[in-house]
Amino acid sequence: MRRPGLLAGLILALAVAAPVAAAGGDHTQSFTDTSHGYQTDTQVNPCNGDTVNISETSSVVNHVTYFLASDEVWGTFTEEDSQSAYDVGTGVTYVGHATFWGNINLNRQNANSTFTGTIRATGSDGSTILYHVTAHFTMLPSGDVSVSIDDVSLTCGS
């Protein structure tokens, strides 16, 4: 399974820092970017190990807020996908929905980030796939990670 967005969101936040700072002033600056797209991918069915060909339509919203008079940045994203997947080994076609959400908060003293993702799919044979992930970390001023959670669950039904 994939973990989109968190690192990409951080990179995006840092990439726009200079242009936002160039906008002038020392007040809070924010931007929101919305994108829609269609993509295909080949993955492995986590329930049986077969190759699956995936098509999905996605909508993504990224939001970043900078505090130019300080060292703070906040970022968040939400991704919604409508998916279909063809299992090459069984011939089953899966149709489903995926939702991903993540955030990051940074300053010189600490950082934290949370990520959640859920994928639900139902096969043409009635089988189901349910995948969920929750991840979080908190970093202290010393650089030590005080909280680290990475909880993944997979349920395969027939």
Protein backbone atom coordinates (compact mmCIF):
# COMPACT_ATOMS: atom_id res chain seq x y z
CA MET A 1 0.00 0.00 0.00
CA ARG A 2 1.11 3.57 -0.47
CA ARG A 3 1.56 6.50 1.86
CA PRO A 4 1.03 9.60 -0.24
CA GLY A 5 1.36 13.15 0.68
CA LEU A 6 3.16 13.62 3.97
CA LEU A 7 6.68 14.01 2.63
CA ALA A 8 5.40 15.54 -0.60
CA GLY A 9 3.36 18.03 1.43
CA LEU A 10 6.39 19.01 3.48
CA ILE A 11 8.48 19.48 0.35
CA LEU A 12 5.68 21.52 -1.19
CA ALA A 13 5.49 23.66 1.94
CA LEU A 14 9.19 24.38 1.86
CA ALA A 15 9.20 24.97 -1.91
CA VAL A 16 6.65 27.76 -1.62
CA ALA A 17 8.19 29.40 1.45
CA ALA A 18 10.37 31.78 -0.55
CA PRO A 19 7.62 32.98 -2.92
CA VAL A 20 5.25 33.46 -0.01
CA ALA A 21 7.89 35.41 1.92
CA ALA A 22 8.47 37.54 -1.16
CA ALA A 23 4.79 38.54 -1.03
CA GLY A 24 5.79 41.02 1.64
CA GLY A 25 4.87 41.77 5.18
CA ASP A 26 5.39 39.76 8.32
CA HIS A 27 1.80 38.62 8.71
CA THR A 28 0.43 35.12 8.32
CA GLN A 29 0.38 33.80 4.76
CA SER A 30 -1.71 30.87 3.56
CA PHE A 31 -2.45 29.10 0.36
CA THR A 32 -4.69 26.27 -0.74
CA ASP A 33 -4.12 24.16 -3.82
CA THR A 34 -6.74 21.80 -5.24
CA SER A 35 -6.00 19.23 -7.91
CA HIS A 36 -7.95 16.53 -9.70
CA GLY A 37 -6.57 13.74 -11.78
CA TYR A 38 -6.70 10.25 -13.18
CA GLN A 39 -3.92 7.72 -12.83
CA THR A 40 -3.20 4.04 -13.34
CA ASP A 41 -0.90 1.80 -11.35
CA THR A 42 0.06 -1.83 -10.88
CA GLN A 43 0.12 -3.14 -7.32
CA VAL A 44 -0.19 -6.42 -5.42
CA ASN A 45 -3.50 -7.58 -3.99
CA PRO A 46 -2.68 -7.67 -0.25
CA CYS A 47 -5.16 -10.50 0.31
CA ASN A 48 -3.83 -13.04 -2.21
CA GLY A 49 -0.55 -11.71 -3.67
CA ASP A 50 -1.92 -11.39 -7.22
CA THR A 51 -1.04 -8.50 -9.51
CA VAL A 52 -3.83 -5.90 -9.75
CA ASN A 53 -4.14 -3.17 -12.35
CA ILE A 54 -5.61 -0.07 -10.71
CA SER A 55 -7.36 2.95 -12.19
CA GLU A 56 -8.31 5.83 -9.96
CA THR A 57 -9.75 9.31 -10.10
CA SER A 58 -8.38 11.58 -7.39
CA SER A 59 -9.14 14.90 -5.77
CA VAL A 60 -6.49 16.42 -3.52
CA VAL A 61 -6.58 19.58 -1.39
CA ASN A 62 -3.32 20.92 0.11
CA HIS A 63 -3.30 23.80 2.56
CA VAL A 64 -0.23 25.52 4.01
CA THR A 65 -0.02 28.38 6.52
CA TYR A 66 3.21 30.25 7.29
CA PHE A 67 3.90 32.60 10.14
CA LEU A 68 6.48 34.87 8.56
CA ALA A 69 7.29 36.71 11.76
CA SER A 70 8.17 33.38 13.38
CA ASP A 71 9.54 29.98 12.46
CA GLU A 72 6.18 28.20 12.23
CA VAL A 73 4.55 26.37 9.34
CA TRP A 74 1.41 24.24 9.27
CA GLY A 75 0.40 22.03 6.40
CA THR A 76 -2.43 19.61 5.72
CA PHE A 77 -3.77 17.60 2.83
CA THR A 78 -6.83 15.50 2.05
CA GLU A 79 -7.05 13.03 -0.83
CA GLU A 80 -10.21 11.26 -2.01
CA ASP A 81 -9.96 8.50 -4.65
CA SER A 82 -12.53 6.49 -6.57
CA GLN A 83 -10.83 3.27 -7.58
CA SER A 84 -11.29 0.19 -9.69
CA ALA A 85 -8.82 -2.67 -9.83
CA TYR A 86 -8.61 -5.83 -11.92
CA ASP A 87 -7.04 -8.88 -10.23
CA VAL A 88 -5.03 -10.57 -12.98
CA GLY A 89 -4.91 -13.93 -11.16
CA THR A 90 -8.59 -14.33 -10.29
CA GLY A 91 -10.32 -12.12 -12.86
CA VAL A 92 -12.15 -10.30 -10.05
CA THR A 93 -12.81 -6.59 -10.54
CA TYR A 94 -12.76 -4.47 -7.38
CA VAL A 95 -14.50 -1.12 -7.01
CA GLY A 96 -13.83 1.10 -4.05
CA HIS A 97 -12.99 4.35 -2.38
CA ALA A 98 -9.89 5.64 -0.61
CA THR A 99 -9.40 8.58 1.72
CA PHE A 100 -6.05 9.90 2.97
CA TRP A 101 -5.41 12.80 5.33
CA GLY A 102 -2.20 14.17 6.78
CA ASN A 103 -0.78 17.18 8.55
CA ILE A 104 2.53 18.55 9.71
CA ASN A 105 3.32 21.33 12.19
CA LEU A 106 6.90 22.61 12.45
CA ASN A 107 8.91 25.19 14.34
CA ARG A 108 12.45 25.33 15.77
CA GLN A 109 11.32 23.81 19.05
CA ASN A 110 9.27 20.82 17.94
CA ALA A 111 7.36 19.09 15.19
CA ASN A 112 4.45 16.72 14.86
CA SER A 113 2.69 14.98 12.04
CA THR A 114 -0.31 12.70 11.67
CA PHE A 115 -1.41 10.58 8.72
CA THR A 116 -4.52 8.45 8.22
CA GLY A 117 -5.61 6.40 5.25
CA THR A 118 -8.50 4.05 4.50
CA ILE A 119 -9.12 1.95 1.40
CA ARG A 120 -12.36 0.00 0.97
CA ALA A 121 -12.99 -2.20 -2.07
CA THR A 122 -15.62 -4.77 -3.02
CA GLY A 123 -14.93 -7.44 -5.61
CA SER A 124 -17.25 -8.62 -8.37
CA ASP A 125 -17.30 -11.98 -6.53
CA GLY A 126 -18.46 -10.32 -3.27
CA SER A 127 -15.02 -10.34 -1.62
CA THR A 128 -13.88 -7.27 0.29
CA ILE A 129 -10.63 -5.53 1.12
CA LEU A 130 -10.38 -3.04 3.97
CA TYR A 131 -7.04 -1.35 4.71
CA HIS A 132 -6.48 1.33 7.32
CA VAL A 133 -3.36 3.10 8.57
CA THR A 134 -2.85 5.67 11.33
CA ALA A 135 0.60 7.15 11.87
CA HIS A 136 1.82 9.95 14.13
CA PHE A 137 5.08 11.32 15.48
CA THR A 138 6.00 14.09 17.88
CA MET A 139 9.55 15.46 18.03
CA LEU A 140 10.83 17.36 21.07
CA PRO A 141 13.24 20.34 21.06
CA SER A 142 16.10 17.89 21.74
CA GLY A 143 15.34 16.13 18.46
CA ASP A 144 14.11 13.04 20.29
CA VAL A 145 10.88 11.48 19.08
CA SER A 146 8.57 11.24 22.10
CA VAL A 147 5.61 9.68 20.32
CA SER A 148 5.69 7.35 17.34
CA ILE A 149 2.61 5.47 16.22
CA ASP A 150 2.29 3.36 13.09
CA ASP A 151 -0.87 1.27 13.25
CA VAL A 152 -1.88 -0.70 10.15
CA SER A 153 -4.81 -3.08 9.72
CA LEU A 154 -5.90 -5.23 6.79
CA THR A 155 -9.14 -7.18 6.60
CA CYS A 156 -9.83 -9.53 3.71
CA GLY A 157 -13.38 -10.89 3.43
CA SER A 158 -15.02 -13.41 1.17
